Protein backbone atom coordinates (compact mmCIF):
# COMPACT_ATOMS: atom_id res chain seq x y z
CA MET A 1 -21.07 -27.52 5.46
CA PRO A 2 -17.36 -27.11 4.76
CA ARG A 3 -15.94 -23.63 4.63
CA ASP A 4 -14.45 -22.24 1.29
CA ASN A 5 -10.97 -21.38 1.63
CA SER A 6 -10.25 -20.27 -1.94
CA PHE A 7 -9.90 -16.67 -1.18
CA LYS A 8 -7.82 -17.48 2.05
CA ASP A 9 -5.48 -19.75 -0.12
CA TYR A 10 -5.00 -17.12 -2.78
CA ILE A 11 -4.12 -14.42 -0.20
CA VAL A 12 -1.79 -16.61 1.70
CA GLU A 13 -0.18 -18.72 -1.21
CA ASP A 14 -0.42 -16.16 -4.05
CA VAL A 15 -0.45 -12.67 -2.62
CA LEU A 16 1.85 -13.34 0.40
CA GLY A 17 3.46 -16.45 -0.46
CA HIS A 18 6.81 -14.85 -1.16
CA ILE A 19 6.89 -13.37 2.49
CA GLU A 20 8.58 -15.79 4.81
CA GLY A 21 6.77 -16.37 8.06
CA ILE A 22 3.10 -15.92 6.95
CA THR A 23 0.75 -18.21 8.52
CA SER A 24 -3.24 -18.33 8.90
CA LYS A 25 -5.55 -19.73 11.35
CA GLY A 26 -9.37 -19.99 11.33
CA MET A 27 -11.21 -17.52 13.64
CA PHE A 28 -14.59 -15.69 14.22
CA GLY A 29 -16.02 -17.43 10.86
CA GLY A 30 -12.92 -15.99 8.83
CA HIS A 31 -9.07 -16.23 8.98
CA GLY A 32 -6.23 -14.41 11.07
CA ILE A 33 -3.23 -13.80 8.87
CA TYR A 34 0.09 -13.82 10.97
CA LEU A 35 3.62 -12.86 10.29
CA ASP A 36 6.07 -14.52 12.68
CA GLY A 37 3.15 -15.34 15.02
CA LYS A 38 1.93 -11.74 15.37
CA ILE A 39 -1.57 -10.94 13.62
CA VAL A 40 -1.22 -8.66 10.82
CA GLY A 41 -4.44 -9.13 9.00
CA LEU A 42 -8.04 -10.70 8.83
CA ILE A 43 -9.98 -12.35 6.04
CA ILE A 44 -13.58 -11.92 6.70
CA ASP A 45 -16.57 -12.46 4.01
CA GLY A 46 -14.37 -12.45 1.11
CA GLU A 47 -12.26 -9.35 2.17
CA PHE A 48 -8.66 -8.97 3.24
CA TYR A 49 -8.00 -6.38 6.12
CA LEU A 50 -4.69 -5.17 7.26
CA LYS A 51 -3.99 -4.07 10.89
CA THR A 52 -3.94 -0.19 11.14
CA ASP A 53 -3.26 2.51 13.70
CA LYS A 54 -3.42 6.36 13.99
CA LYS A 55 0.16 6.46 12.46
CA THR A 56 -1.00 4.67 9.41
CA LYS A 57 -4.52 6.55 9.19
CA GLY A 58 -2.82 8.82 6.42
CA LEU A 59 -1.50 5.90 4.50
CA GLY A 60 -4.82 4.16 4.66
CA GLU A 61 -6.33 7.22 2.97
CA GLN A 62 -3.34 7.36 0.40
CA PHE A 63 -4.06 3.58 -0.54
CA LYS A 64 -7.76 3.95 -0.29
CA TYR A 65 -8.17 1.61 2.56
CA GLU A 66 -11.52 1.55 4.00
CA ARG A 67 -11.15 1.91 7.69
CA ASN A 68 -13.43 0.02 10.17
CA PRO A 69 -15.83 -1.36 7.76
CA PRO A 70 -19.33 -2.50 8.96
CA ALA A 71 -18.62 -6.05 8.43
CA HIS A 72 -15.69 -5.67 10.75
CA LYS A 73 -17.27 -4.87 14.17
CA ALA A 74 -17.28 -6.95 17.11
CA THR A 75 -19.03 -6.91 20.51
CA ASP A 76 -17.14 -5.86 23.70
CA GLY A 77 -18.23 -8.82 25.80
CA GLN A 78 -18.00 -7.02 29.04
CA ARG A 79 -20.08 -3.82 28.35
CA GLY A 80 -21.99 -5.35 25.11
CA LYS A 81 -21.07 -2.21 22.94
CA ILE A 82 -20.09 -2.60 19.40
CA VAL A 83 -16.50 -1.65 18.88
CA SER A 84 -14.64 -1.01 15.60
CA LEU A 85 -11.35 -3.01 15.18
CA PRO A 86 -8.40 -1.26 13.71
CA TYR A 87 -8.17 -3.00 10.40
CA ALA A 88 -8.68 -1.66 6.80
CA ILE A 89 -9.78 -3.15 3.48
CA VAL A 90 -6.77 -3.68 1.22
CA PRO A 91 -7.86 -2.79 -2.32
CA ILE A 92 -7.23 -4.85 -5.24
CA GLU A 93 -4.44 -2.60 -6.82
CA ILE A 94 -2.44 -2.96 -3.66
CA LEU A 95 -3.18 -6.69 -3.30
CA GLU A 96 -1.82 -7.03 -7.08
CA ASP A 97 1.27 -5.01 -6.28
CA ARG A 98 3.83 -7.25 -4.77
CA ASP A 99 6.03 -4.47 -3.39
CA LYS A 100 3.20 -2.31 -1.93
CA MET A 101 1.74 -5.59 -0.33
CA GLU A 102 4.90 -6.42 1.42
CA GLU A 103 5.40 -2.82 2.49
CA ARG A 104 1.71 -3.07 4.03
CA ILE A 105 2.35 -6.60 5.78
CA TYR A 106 5.50 -5.40 7.34
CA GLU A 107 3.67 -2.01 8.49
CA SER A 108 1.06 -4.11 10.03
CA PHE A 109 3.58 -6.20 11.80
CA GLU A 110 5.21 -3.22 13.23
CA ILE A 111 1.78 -2.04 14.39
CA SER A 112 1.44 -5.50 16.29
CA GLU A 113 4.78 -5.11 17.82
CA ARG A 114 3.95 -1.52 19.12
CA LYS A 115 0.63 -2.88 20.52
CA LYS A 116 2.42 -5.28 22.76
CA LYS A 117 4.78 -2.64 24.31
């Protein structure tokens, strides 16, 4: 059965299409969203998540992000434990605000940059 890519297409083309360097790649039954080759977000089960960290926790509350939702847990293969991943759902009011969405994407990019150091 073919995967429905309509939500992914909406995010990549309509919501993020104005940001140069945005790409997507199928993964884990969803899609990874990348900026200049660094992962900044995920699309899973019709939800768009952006990468977060301790520094953005306050912003997440400010923008009503739902941190580490149940649909976004993975198994740590080595120990078999369920681990939460550092992503938060992006609410519709942010998705529909081009400036705020761009800020959040670049913020997530910076998090990916910090994680590599």
